[in-house]
Amino acid sequence: MTDTAARHLYLARHAEASADGTGLTENGRRQAVLLGERLRGVPLSVIHHGPLPRARQTARLVGAQLDAVPLRQSELAGDYVPHLPTRAELPPDSADGMLGFLARLPEEERERGPALAREALAEFTGPVRGDHPRHELVVTHNFLVGWLVRAALDAPEWRWMGLNHGNAALTVIRYAPGMPSSLALHNDMRHLPAELRWTGFPTEHHT
């Protein structure tokens, strides 16, 4: 029998991005540095990040605050639609709005997303082989954070929708052998000052 140990998965949405998608804003760079400072002392073995500039730059700034944690780019940490629900899966009173939102997203993100999402579950979740716990950070996008959180809670597949994550916020999921996954922390922004929280969300949701 192969020994297994707990995996501690740290999830962060990229920091605030510029409108043209070429990288981070000044606020975004501040957010990323503060996230890195928050993670000092965590025994991270690797920082996975998506290929888009906003995720890649966030990961580099986070990594610069840490002690020689390797960066690893992964398509699985990219920006895509993890599950395309049918109308029958959705609450009747919100199905039209949710399906309309999905229809406006890029076709490539909708077509390739479900297969990537299945691979992401296999790659990033569950206990790890060996007898030493592993701590990993994934710097990614809002949709994948929601997908992994809903999986940890054993919620329906469509429920990745509506699980919004602030820029540079932190979520932690623990996968222990023989135990259900545990959501230890969700959308935590205590490392950010008030003016940098919930970037990109309506002002009435700023906390």
C-alpha atoms as a PDB file:
ATOM      1  CA  MET A   1       0.000   0.000   0.000  1.00  0.00           C
ATOM      2  CA  THR A   2       1.377   3.413  -0.974  1.00  0.00           C
ATOM      3  CA  ASP A   3       1.669   5.929   1.859  1.00  0.00           C
ATOM      4  CA  THR A   4      -0.187   9.196   1.343  1.00  0.00           C
ATOM      5  CA  ALA A   5      -0.022  12.529   3.104  1.00  0.00           C
ATOM      6  CA  ALA A   6      -2.143  15.650   3.273  1.00  0.00           C
ATOM      7  CA  ARG A   7      -2.091  18.243   0.519  1.00  0.00           C
ATOM      8  CA  HIS A   8      -2.654  21.875   1.474  1.00  0.00           C
ATOM      9  CA  LEU A   9      -3.812  23.698  -1.645  1.00  0.00           C
ATOM     10  CA  TYR A  10      -3.567  27.487  -1.599  1.00  0.00           C
ATOM     11  CA  LEU A  11      -5.614  29.198  -4.295  1.00  0.00           C
ATOM     12  CA  ALA A  12      -5.277  32.837  -5.313  1.00  0.00           C
ATOM     13  CA  ARG A  13      -7.004  34.744  -8.043  1.00  0.00           C
ATOM     14  CA  HIS A  14      -4.591  36.947  -9.986  1.00  0.00           C
ATOM     15  CA  ALA A  15      -4.192  40.543  -8.847  1.00  0.00           C
ATOM     16  CA  GLU A  16      -5.980  43.456 -10.534  1.00  0.00           C
ATOM     17  CA  ALA A  17      -5.281  43.497 -14.265  1.00  0.00           C
ATOM     18  CA  SER A  18      -5.103  46.383 -16.710  1.00  0.00           C
ATOM     19  CA  ALA A  19      -8.060  46.899 -19.023  1.00  0.00           C
ATOM     20  CA  ASP A  20      -6.075  45.835 -22.098  1.00  0.00           C
ATOM     21  CA  GLY A  21      -5.066  42.536 -20.501  1.00  0.00           C
ATOM     22  CA  THR A  22      -1.327  43.133 -20.855  1.00  0.00           C
ATOM     23  CA  GLY A  23      -0.514  42.853 -17.172  1.00  0.00           C
ATOM     24  CA  LEU A  24      -1.204  44.213 -13.718  1.00  0.00           C
ATOM     25  CA  THR A  25      -2.158  47.692 -12.619  1.00  0.00           C
ATOM     26  CA  GLU A  26      -0.214  49.505  -9.919  1.00  0.00           C
ATOM     27  CA  ASN A  27      -2.880  48.386  -7.448  1.00  0.00           C
ATOM     28  CA  GLY A  28      -2.496  44.852  -8.757  1.00  0.00           C
ATOM     29  CA  ARG A  29       1.241  44.878  -8.178  1.00  0.00           C
ATOM     30  CA  ARG A  30       0.666  46.050  -4.614  1.00  0.00           C
ATOM     31  CA  GLN A  31      -1.890  43.289  -4.089  1.00  0.00           C
ATOM     32  CA  ALA A  32       0.496  40.622  -5.358  1.00  0.00           C
ATOM     33  CA  VAL A  33       3.361  41.789  -3.150  1.00  0.00           C
ATOM     34  CA  LEU A  34       1.089  41.811  -0.090  1.00  0.00           C
ATOM     35  CA  LEU A  35      -0.137  38.312  -0.912  1.00  0.00           C
ATOM     36  CA  GLY A  36       3.460  37.131  -1.120  1.00  0.00           C
ATOM     37  CA  GLU A  37       4.213  38.704   2.253  1.00  0.00           C
ATOM     38  CA  ARG A  38       1.141  36.958   3.670  1.00  0.00           C
ATOM     39  CA  LEU A  39       2.504  33.598   2.516  1.00  0.00           C
ATOM     40  CA  ARG A  40       5.927  33.989   4.099  1.00  0.00           C
ATOM     41  CA  GLY A  41       6.402  31.130   6.526  1.00  0.00           C
ATOM     42  CA  VAL A  42       4.185  28.749   4.551  1.00  0.00           C
ATOM     43  CA  PRO A  43       6.359  25.811   3.402  1.00  0.00           C
ATOM     44  CA  LEU A  44       5.320  26.055  -0.256  1.00  0.00           C
ATOM     45  CA  SER A  45       6.926  23.529  -2.578  1.00  0.00           C
ATOM     46  CA  VAL A  46       5.773  25.159  -5.829  1.00  0.00           C
ATOM     47  CA  ILE A  47       3.740  28.027  -7.274  1.00  0.00           C
ATOM     48  CA  HIS A  48       1.612  26.925 -10.219  1.00  0.00           C
ATOM     49  CA  HIS A  49       0.247  29.706 -12.389  1.00  0.00           C
ATOM     50  CA  GLY A  50      -1.746  30.171 -15.568  1.00  0.00           C
ATOM     51  CA  PRO A  51      -0.155  31.351 -18.829  1.00  0.00           C
ATOM     52  CA  LEU A  52      -1.924  34.719 -19.152  1.00  0.00           C
ATOM     53  CA  PRO A  53       0.095  37.829 -18.208  1.00  0.00           C
ATOM     54  CA  ARG A  54      -2.081  38.737 -15.215  1.00  0.00           C
ATOM     55  CA  ALA A  55      -1.573  35.327 -13.588  1.00  0.00           C
ATOM     56  CA  ARG A  56       2.072  35.002 -14.596  1.00  0.00           C
ATOM     57  CA  GLN A  57       2.994  38.452 -13.258  1.00  0.00           C
ATOM     58  CA  THR A  58       1.063  37.877 -10.032  1.00  0.00           C
ATOM     59  CA  ALA A  59       2.925  34.614  -9.455  1.00  0.00           C
ATOM     60  CA  ARG A  60       6.303  36.256 -10.062  1.00  0.00           C
ATOM     61  CA  LEU A  61       5.606  39.054  -7.601  1.00  0.00           C
ATOM     62  CA  VAL A  62       4.338  36.593  -4.999  1.00  0.00           C
ATOM     63  CA  GLY A  63       7.382  34.393  -5.538  1.00  0.00           C
ATOM     64  CA  ALA A  64       9.737  37.349  -5.171  1.00  0.00           C
ATOM     65  CA  GLN A  65       8.580  37.713  -1.544  1.00  0.00           C
ATOM     66  CA  LEU A  66       9.352  34.062  -0.767  1.00  0.00           C
ATOM     67  CA  ASP A  67      12.489  31.997  -0.390  1.00  0.00           C
ATOM     68  CA  ALA A  68      13.302  30.300  -3.711  1.00  0.00           C
ATOM     69  CA  VAL A  69       9.892  28.695  -4.338  1.00  0.00           C
ATOM     70  CA  PRO A  70       9.858  27.480  -7.960  1.00  0.00           C
ATOM     71  CA  LEU A  71       7.299  28.810 -10.436  1.00  0.00           C
ATOM     72  CA  ARG A  72       5.571  26.381 -12.770  1.00  0.00           C
ATOM     73  CA  GLN A  73       3.338  27.553 -15.609  1.00  0.00           C
ATOM     74  CA  SER A  74       0.368  25.303 -16.308  1.00  0.00           C
ATOM     75  CA  GLU A  75      -2.455  25.499 -18.810  1.00  0.00           C
ATOM     76  CA  LEU A  76      -4.591  23.795 -16.176  1.00  0.00           C
ATOM     77  CA  ALA A  77      -4.353  26.978 -14.090  1.00  0.00           C
ATOM     78  CA  GLY A  78      -5.580  29.098 -16.997  1.00  0.00           C
ATOM     79  CA  ASP A  79      -8.794  30.998 -17.636  1.00  0.00           C
ATOM     80  CA  TYR A  80     -11.581  28.758 -18.938  1.00  0.00           C
ATOM     81  CA  VAL A  81     -15.152  27.632 -18.314  1.00  0.00           C
ATOM     82  CA  PRO A  82     -14.936  24.481 -16.163  1.00  0.00           C
ATOM     83  CA  HIS A  83     -18.450  23.187 -16.729  1.00  0.00           C
ATOM     84  CA  LEU A  84     -21.229  24.092 -19.155  1.00  0.00           C
ATOM     85  CA  PRO A  85     -24.530  23.359 -17.414  1.00  0.00           C
ATOM     86  CA  THR A  86     -27.742  22.454 -19.146  1.00  0.00           C
ATOM     87  CA  ARG A  87     -30.870  24.452 -18.379  1.00  0.00           C
ATOM     88  CA  ALA A  88     -32.219  21.494 -16.378  1.00  0.00           C
ATOM     89  CA  GLU A  89     -29.282  21.712 -13.965  1.00  0.00           C
ATOM     90  CA  LEU A  90     -29.877  25.337 -13.075  1.00  0.00           C
ATOM     91  CA  PRO A  91     -32.375  27.013 -10.737  1.00  0.00           C
ATOM     92  CA  PRO A  92     -35.371  27.936 -12.927  1.00  0.00           C
ATOM     93  CA  ASP A  93     -35.482  31.552 -11.788  1.00  0.00           C
ATOM     94  CA  SER A  94     -31.861  32.239 -12.729  1.00  0.00           C
ATOM     95  CA  ALA A  95     -31.246  29.845 -15.641  1.00  0.00           C
ATOM     96  CA  ASP A  96     -31.748  32.466 -18.374  1.00  0.00           C
ATOM     97  CA  GLY A  97     -29.301  34.895 -16.840  1.00  0.00           C
ATOM     98  CA  MET A  98     -26.667  32.248 -16.172  1.00  0.00           C
ATOM     99  CA  LEU A  99     -26.882  30.720 -19.632  1.00  0.00           C
ATOM    100  CA  GLY A 100     -26.789  34.183 -21.187  1.00  0.00           C
ATOM    101  CA  PHE A 101     -23.620  34.973 -19.261  1.00  0.00           C
ATOM    102  CA  LEU A 102     -21.954  31.768 -20.460  1.00  0.00           C
ATOM    103  CA  ALA A 103     -22.948  32.435 -24.068  1.00  0.00           C
ATOM    104  CA  ARG A 104     -21.048  35.732 -24.006  1.00  0.00           C
ATOM    105  CA  LEU A 105     -17.758  34.098 -23.018  1.00  0.00           C
ATOM    106  CA  PRO A 106     -15.171  33.224 -25.685  1.00  0.00           C
ATOM    107  CA  GLU A 107     -15.975  30.027 -27.568  1.00  0.00           C
ATOM    108  CA  GLU A 108     -12.522  28.567 -26.941  1.00  0.00           C
ATOM    109  CA  GLU A 109     -12.918  28.953 -23.167  1.00  0.00           C
ATOM    110  CA  ARG A 110     -16.269  27.146 -23.327  1.00  0.00           C
ATOM    111  CA  GLU A 111     -15.144  24.331 -25.628  1.00  0.00           C
ATOM    112  CA  ARG A 112     -11.810  23.452 -24.031  1.00  0.00           C
ATOM    113  CA  GLY A 113     -12.713  24.270 -20.456  1.00  0.00           C
ATOM    114  CA  PRO A 114     -14.474  21.112 -19.214  1.00  0.00           C
ATOM    115  CA  ALA A 115     -11.614  18.813 -20.240  1.00  0.00           C
ATOM    116  CA  LEU A 116      -9.053  21.131 -18.623  1.00  0.00           C
ATOM    117  CA  ALA A 117     -11.172  21.307 -15.477  1.00  0.00           C
ATOM    118  CA  ARG A 118     -11.194  17.517 -15.133  1.00  0.00           C
ATOM    119  CA  GLU A 119      -7.415  17.480 -15.523  1.00  0.00           C
ATOM    120  CA  ALA A 120      -7.082  20.267 -12.948  1.00  0.00           C
ATOM    121  CA  LEU A 121      -8.978  18.181 -10.405  1.00  0.00           C
ATOM    122  CA  ALA A 122      -6.641  15.263 -11.016  1.00  0.00           C
ATOM    123  CA  GLU A 123      -3.518  17.441 -10.856  1.00  0.00           C
ATOM    124  CA  PHE A 124      -4.232  19.824  -7.979  1.00  0.00           C
ATOM    125  CA  THR A 125      -6.543  18.007  -5.553  1.00  0.00           C
ATOM    126  CA  GLY A 126      -6.463  15.020  -3.221  1.00  0.00           C
ATOM    127  CA  PRO A 127      -3.774  13.655  -0.878  1.00  0.00           C
ATOM    128  CA  VAL A 128      -0.219  13.278  -2.182  1.00  0.00           C
ATOM    129  CA  ARG A 129       2.036  10.255  -2.363  1.00  0.00           C
ATOM    130  CA  GLY A 130       4.624   9.904   0.355  1.00  0.00           C
ATOM    131  CA  ASP A 131       4.708  10.561   4.058  1.00  0.00           C
ATOM    132  CA  HIS A 132       5.276  14.350   4.037  1.00  0.00           C
ATOM    133  CA  PRO A 133       2.465  16.915   3.701  1.00  0.00           C
ATOM    134  CA  ARG A 134       2.700  19.160   0.657  1.00  0.00           C
ATOM    135  CA  HIS A 135       1.824  22.851   0.398  1.00  0.00           C
ATOM    136  CA  GLU A 136       1.168  24.224  -3.110  1.00  0.00           C
ATOM    137  CA  LEU A 137      -0.053  27.572  -4.414  1.00  0.00           C
ATOM    138  CA  VAL A 138      -2.084  27.938  -7.603  1.00  0.00           C
ATOM    139  CA  VAL A 139      -2.328  31.489  -8.985  1.00  0.00           C
ATOM    140  CA  THR A 140      -5.261  31.325 -11.350  1.00  0.00           C
ATOM    141  CA  HIS A 141      -8.589  32.914 -12.295  1.00  0.00           C
ATOM    142  CA  ASN A 142     -11.993  33.304 -10.724  1.00  0.00           C
ATOM    143  CA  PHE A 143     -13.636  30.383 -12.531  1.00  0.00           C
ATOM    144  CA  LEU A 144     -11.089  27.751 -11.519  1.00  0.00           C
ATOM    145  CA  VAL A 145     -11.113  28.864  -7.894  1.00  0.00           C
ATOM    146  CA  GLY A 146     -14.901  28.468  -7.880  1.00  0.00           C
ATOM    147  CA  TRP A 147     -14.627  25.071  -9.574  1.00  0.00           C
ATOM    148  CA  LEU A 148     -12.160  23.701  -7.031  1.00  0.00           C
ATOM    149  CA  VAL A 149     -14.103  25.116  -4.084  1.00  0.00           C
ATOM    150  CA  ARG A 150     -17.374  23.611  -5.279  1.00  0.00           C
ATOM    151  CA  ALA A 151     -15.603  20.239  -5.743  1.00  0.00           C
ATOM    152  CA  ALA A 152     -14.181  20.420  -2.210  1.00  0.00           C
ATOM    153  CA  LEU A 153     -17.718  20.960  -0.905  1.00  0.00           C
ATOM    154  CA  ASP A 154     -19.141  18.194  -3.135  1.00  0.00           C
ATOM    155  CA  ALA A 155     -21.583  20.715  -4.617  1.00  0.00           C
ATOM    156  CA  PRO A 156     -23.268  20.285  -8.026  1.00  0.00           C
ATOM    157  CA  GLU A 157     -20.995  20.960 -10.998  1.00  0.00           C
ATOM    158  CA  TRP A 158     -22.840  24.100 -12.070  1.00  0.00           C
ATOM    159  CA  ARG A 159     -22.222  25.668  -8.655  1.00  0.00           C
ATOM    160  CA  TRP A 160     -18.808  27.007  -9.690  1.00  0.00           C
ATOM    161  CA  MET A 161     -20.904  29.907 -10.923  1.00  0.00           C
ATOM    162  CA  GLY A 162     -21.523  32.567  -8.318  1.00  0.00           C
ATOM    163  CA  LEU A 163     -18.491  31.675  -6.187  1.00  0.00           C
ATOM    164  CA  ASN A 164     -16.707  34.968  -6.759  1.00  0.00           C
ATOM    165  CA  HIS A 165     -13.163  35.520  -5.579  1.00  0.00           C
ATOM    166  CA  GLY A 166     -11.477  38.872  -5.002  1.00  0.00           C
ATOM    167  CA  ASN A 167      -8.215  39.826  -6.695  1.00  0.00           C
ATOM    168  CA  ALA A 168      -5.261  38.414  -4.710  1.00  0.00           C
ATOM    169  CA  ALA A 169      -7.622  36.877  -2.158  1.00  0.00           C
ATOM    170  CA  LEU A 170      -6.599  33.591  -0.569  1.00  0.00           C
ATOM    171  CA  THR A 171      -8.441  30.274  -0.314  1.00  0.00           C
ATOM    172  CA  VAL A 172      -7.024  27.147   1.331  1.00  0.00           C
ATOM    173  CA  ILE A 173      -8.294  23.586   0.887  1.00  0.00           C
ATOM    174  CA  ARG A 174      -6.900  20.621   2.836  1.00  0.00           C
ATOM    175  CA  TYR A 175      -7.012  17.093   1.428  1.00  0.00           C
ATOM    176  CA  ALA A 176      -6.171  14.553   4.146  1.00  0.00           C
ATOM    177  CA  PRO A 177      -5.986  10.791   3.571  1.00  0.00           C
ATOM    178  CA  GLY A 178      -9.223   9.043   4.444  1.00  0.00           C
ATOM    179  CA  MET A 179     -11.067  12.305   5.147  1.00  0.00           C
ATOM    180  CA  PRO A 180     -13.381  14.589   3.186  1.00  0.00           C
ATOM    181  CA  SER A 181     -11.704  17.665   1.757  1.00  0.00           C
ATOM    182  CA  SER A 182     -11.807  20.640   4.108  1.00  0.00           C
ATOM    183  CA  LEU A 183     -12.253  24.283   3.138  1.00  0.00           C
ATOM    184  CA  ALA A 184      -9.973  25.931   5.682  1.00  0.00           C
ATOM    185  CA  LEU A 185     -10.110  29.484   4.305  1.00  0.00           C
ATOM    186  CA  HIS A 186     -12.140  31.148   1.575  1.00  0.00           C
ATOM    187  CA  ASN A 187     -11.695  34.469  -0.200  1.00  0.00           C
ATOM    188  CA  ASP A 188      -9.609  35.851   2.650  1.00  0.00           C
ATOM    189  CA  MET A 189      -8.317  39.392   2.117  1.00  0.00           C
ATOM    190  CA  ARG A 190      -6.947  40.302   5.530  1.00  0.00           C
ATOM    191  CA  HIS A 191      -3.525  40.961   3.964  1.00  0.00           C
ATOM    192  CA  LEU A 192      -4.985  43.743   1.805  1.00  0.00           C
ATOM    193  CA  PRO A 193      -5.905  47.242   2.991  1.00  0.00           C
ATOM    194  CA  ALA A 194      -9.536  48.221   2.498  1.00  0.00           C
ATOM    195  CA  GLU A 195      -8.888  50.165  -0.711  1.00  0.00           C
ATOM    196  CA  LEU A 196      -7.405  47.075  -2.402  1.00  0.00           C
ATOM    197  CA  ARG A 197     -10.161  44.610  -1.528  1.00  0.00           C
ATOM    198  CA  TRP A 198     -12.730  43.253  -3.994  1.00  0.00           C
ATOM    199  CA  THR A 199     -11.143  44.995  -6.953  1.00  0.00           C
ATOM    200  CA  GLY A 200     -13.408  44.711  -9.994  1.00  0.00           C
ATOM    201  CA  PHE A 201     -16.567  43.995  -7.993  1.00  0.00           C
ATOM    202  CA  PRO A 202     -19.447  46.404  -7.294  1.00  0.00           C
ATOM    203  CA  THR A 203     -18.630  48.931  -4.568  1.00  0.00           C
ATOM    204  CA  GLU A 204     -21.515  47.734  -2.389  1.00  0.00           C
ATOM    205  CA  HIS A 205     -19.654  44.421  -2.027  1.00  0.00           C
ATOM    206  CA  HIS A 206     -16.413  45.967  -0.781  1.00  0.00           C
ATOM    207  CA  THR A 207     -15.657  44.816   2.769  1.00  0.00           C
END
